Structures are given as structure tokens and as C-alpha cells.
């Protein structure tokens, strides 16, 4: 449940990497023919990283957050400049180790909620709880890696 954190910082000045962003949305229900043209181009650096100097990447480990679609090996994009709010997914330091959980702010103090019923809720001491950053995106690879 707890792991050592290995931070990966974004490149300081990455060249733009524009990819087509299509006008049509893809329905999750019934198929729809896609348009043959792009509405605009999208640079994922600009789309995923708002605060470059306070953003870092790391990999998820374990399955305590699988019910929100965060799986072992997924890439987390974390922003340290954001103030954690109720319901945010955060990287927290608890008992000297790091974990990724949903932050719930209750009347009696903060609670770190796993998103898998097989794991217990963590009620840390509010005086010692350190929130390392807010997870703003995670990248899940749907194709099996070889």
C-alpha cells in the first residue's frame, strides 16, 4: 500500500509535439463514423501540464485505486502547486512512506480513501500528514506491454 517515491520531472523546454484533435467526439455507446479532418492540433505538453516547475511524473504501483481506473504501472501527472481539496486524488506521506489515495476532508480531519474496498481507509494524524501533490491526470495504457 505504501511505496518509495521515484520522481520524474518533465523536460524543461520540450519541443511542441502537435497531434490532430478531431472535431467529432467518440461515443462510448454506439459507433459513429469519424470525420476525415482535424479541428485543430493539440500539444499534450500544454494540455497535461499547467505548472511545469511544480509538475512531476511517477508510476502507480498496486491496485488500491483501481475503482477509479488507476492501475498498477499507470503514469501519474502530479502538480505540487495546487492546494489539495476534498475529493482530490493526492500523493500523501503517511508513516514515512508515500501513497496515492483520494483525500476526504471530514469534520474530524483528513481521511485517505483507497478506491478499492479490499483496502482500509487511512485516518492520518492531521499534524503529521504531508500532501506531496495533487494528481491532475493519469495515463492508462490499454494495450498490453511486451
Protein backbone atom coordinates (compact mmCIF):
# COMPACT_ATOMS: atom_id res chain seq x y z
CA UNK A 1 0.00 0.00 0.00
CA UNK A 2 2.93 2.36 0.71
CA UNK A 3 5.88 2.83 -1.58
CA UNK A 4 9.09 4.76 -2.05
CA UNK A 5 8.60 7.65 -4.45
CA UNK A 6 10.75 7.95 -7.58
CA UNK A 7 10.07 11.32 -9.17
CA UNK A 8 10.40 12.00 -12.87
CA UNK A 9 10.40 15.69 -13.83
CA UNK A 10 9.03 16.94 -17.15
CA UNK A 11 11.53 18.19 -19.70
CA UNK A 12 12.32 21.86 -19.16
CA UNK A 13 11.73 23.05 -22.73
CA UNK A 14 10.21 20.24 -24.75
CA UNK A 15 9.57 20.99 -28.39
CA UNK A 16 5.87 21.10 -29.20
CA UNK A 17 4.55 17.76 -30.31
CA UNK A 18 1.32 18.56 -32.08
CA UNK A 19 -1.14 15.81 -32.89
CA UNK A 20 -4.53 16.09 -34.61
CA UNK A 21 -7.53 16.79 -32.41
CA UNK A 22 -10.65 15.71 -34.28
CA UNK A 23 -13.91 17.65 -34.21
CA UNK A 24 -16.01 14.55 -33.61
CA UNK A 25 -16.27 13.01 -30.18
CA UNK A 26 -16.13 9.23 -29.96
CA UNK A 27 -19.28 7.77 -28.40
CA UNK A 28 -18.81 5.09 -25.80
CA UNK A 29 -22.13 3.55 -26.81
CA UNK A 30 -22.99 3.07 -30.47
CA UNK A 31 -20.42 3.52 -33.25
CA UNK A 32 -20.37 6.73 -35.26
CA UNK A 33 -18.37 7.46 -38.41
CA UNK A 34 -15.42 9.81 -37.73
CA UNK A 35 -14.82 12.93 -39.74
CA UNK A 36 -11.86 12.93 -42.11
CA UNK A 37 -10.48 16.21 -40.93
CA UNK A 38 -8.96 17.59 -37.77
CA UNK A 39 -10.48 20.58 -35.97
CA UNK A 40 -7.12 21.70 -34.60
CA UNK A 41 -3.84 20.38 -33.30
CA UNK A 42 -3.17 19.51 -29.69
CA UNK A 43 0.15 19.67 -27.83
CA UNK A 44 -0.05 17.21 -24.94
CA UNK A 45 2.59 19.19 -23.02
CA UNK A 46 0.26 22.19 -22.92
CA UNK A 47 -2.83 20.07 -22.30
CA UNK A 48 -1.46 17.99 -19.42
CA UNK A 49 0.98 20.33 -17.66
CA UNK A 50 -0.23 23.68 -16.33
CA UNK A 51 2.64 24.42 -13.92
CA UNK A 52 5.83 22.99 -15.41
CA UNK A 53 8.14 23.85 -12.50
CA UNK A 54 5.88 22.16 -9.94
CA UNK A 55 4.79 19.14 -12.00
CA UNK A 56 6.34 15.70 -11.90
CA UNK A 57 5.53 12.20 -13.08
CA UNK A 58 5.60 8.88 -11.29
CA UNK A 59 4.26 5.38 -11.80
CA UNK A 60 1.45 3.86 -9.78
CA UNK A 61 2.08 0.58 -8.04
CA UNK A 62 -0.57 -1.76 -6.71
CA UNK A 63 -4.35 -1.88 -7.10
CA UNK A 64 -5.74 0.22 -4.25
CA UNK A 65 -7.10 2.82 -6.71
CA UNK A 66 -8.47 0.52 -9.41
CA UNK A 67 -12.12 1.54 -8.93
CA UNK A 68 -11.36 4.97 -10.45
CA UNK A 69 -9.42 3.39 -13.31
CA UNK A 70 -5.92 3.85 -11.87
CA UNK A 71 -3.93 0.64 -12.28
CA UNK A 72 -0.51 -0.75 -11.50
CA UNK A 73 2.05 0.83 -13.85
CA UNK A 74 -0.10 3.81 -14.88
CA UNK A 75 1.68 7.14 -15.23
CA UNK A 76 0.61 9.81 -12.73
CA UNK A 77 0.95 13.51 -13.50
CA UNK A 78 1.21 15.37 -10.20
CA UNK A 79 1.13 19.13 -9.55
CA UNK A 80 2.68 20.31 -6.29
CA UNK A 81 1.45 23.89 -6.70
CA UNK A 82 -2.23 23.01 -6.25
CA UNK A 83 -3.89 23.23 -2.86
CA UNK A 84 -5.44 19.82 -2.13
CA UNK A 85 -9.23 19.89 -1.94
CA UNK A 86 -11.88 17.43 -0.78
CA UNK A 87 -12.16 14.62 -3.33
CA UNK A 88 -8.76 15.17 -4.96
CA UNK A 89 -6.52 12.21 -5.66
CA UNK A 90 -3.28 13.03 -3.88
CA UNK A 91 0.20 11.74 -3.18
CA UNK A 92 0.47 11.69 0.59
CA UNK A 93 3.22 10.83 3.02
CA UNK A 94 1.93 8.68 5.84
CA UNK A 95 4.11 6.91 8.41
CA UNK A 96 7.21 7.97 6.45
CA UNK A 97 6.07 6.38 3.18
CA UNK A 98 4.14 7.59 0.15
CA UNK A 99 0.75 6.50 -1.08
CA UNK A 100 -1.80 7.65 -3.67
CA UNK A 101 -5.35 7.98 -2.33
CA UNK A 102 -8.47 10.14 -2.56
CA UNK A 103 -8.42 12.93 0.04
CA UNK A 104 -11.61 13.38 2.02
CA UNK A 105 -11.82 16.31 4.40
CA UNK A 106 -14.12 15.36 7.25
CA UNK A 107 -15.14 17.31 10.36
CA UNK A 108 -12.70 15.26 12.46
CA UNK A 109 -9.82 15.70 10.00
CA UNK A 110 -8.47 14.33 6.73
CA UNK A 111 -9.09 10.80 5.54
CA UNK A 112 -7.21 8.99 2.76
CA UNK A 113 -9.62 6.72 0.94
CA UNK A 114 -8.49 3.88 -1.30
CA UNK A 115 -10.69 3.24 -4.31
CA UNK A 116 -10.81 -0.50 -3.79
CA UNK A 117 -12.89 -1.99 -0.95
CA UNK A 118 -10.15 -4.55 -0.25
CA UNK A 119 -8.02 -1.78 1.31
CA UNK A 120 -8.64 0.07 4.58
CA UNK A 121 -9.32 3.79 4.86
CA UNK A 122 -6.37 5.66 6.37
CA UNK A 123 -7.07 8.24 9.07
CA UNK A 124 -3.74 10.02 9.46
CA UNK A 125 -2.75 12.44 12.19
CA UNK A 126 -3.60 15.86 10.69
CA UNK A 127 -0.49 17.33 12.32
CA UNK A 128 1.90 14.96 10.55
CA UNK A 129 0.09 14.32 7.25
CA UNK A 130 2.07 15.67 4.31
CA UNK A 131 0.36 16.07 0.94
CA UNK A 132 3.10 15.90 -1.65
CA UNK A 133 0.94 16.87 -4.62
CA UNK A 134 -2.40 16.59 -6.40
CA UNK A 135 -2.75 14.01 -9.16
CA UNK A 136 -4.13 16.00 -12.08
CA UNK A 137 -4.06 13.25 -14.71
CA UNK A 138 -3.13 9.66 -15.04
CA UNK A 139 -2.24 7.87 -18.23
CA UNK A 140 -3.52 4.32 -18.53
CA UNK A 141 -2.14 2.12 -21.28
CA UNK A 142 -4.87 -0.13 -22.63
CA UNK A 143 -2.62 -2.32 -24.74
CA UNK A 144 -0.57 -4.97 -23.03
CA UNK A 145 3.11 -4.15 -22.90
CA UNK A 146 5.57 -6.81 -24.06
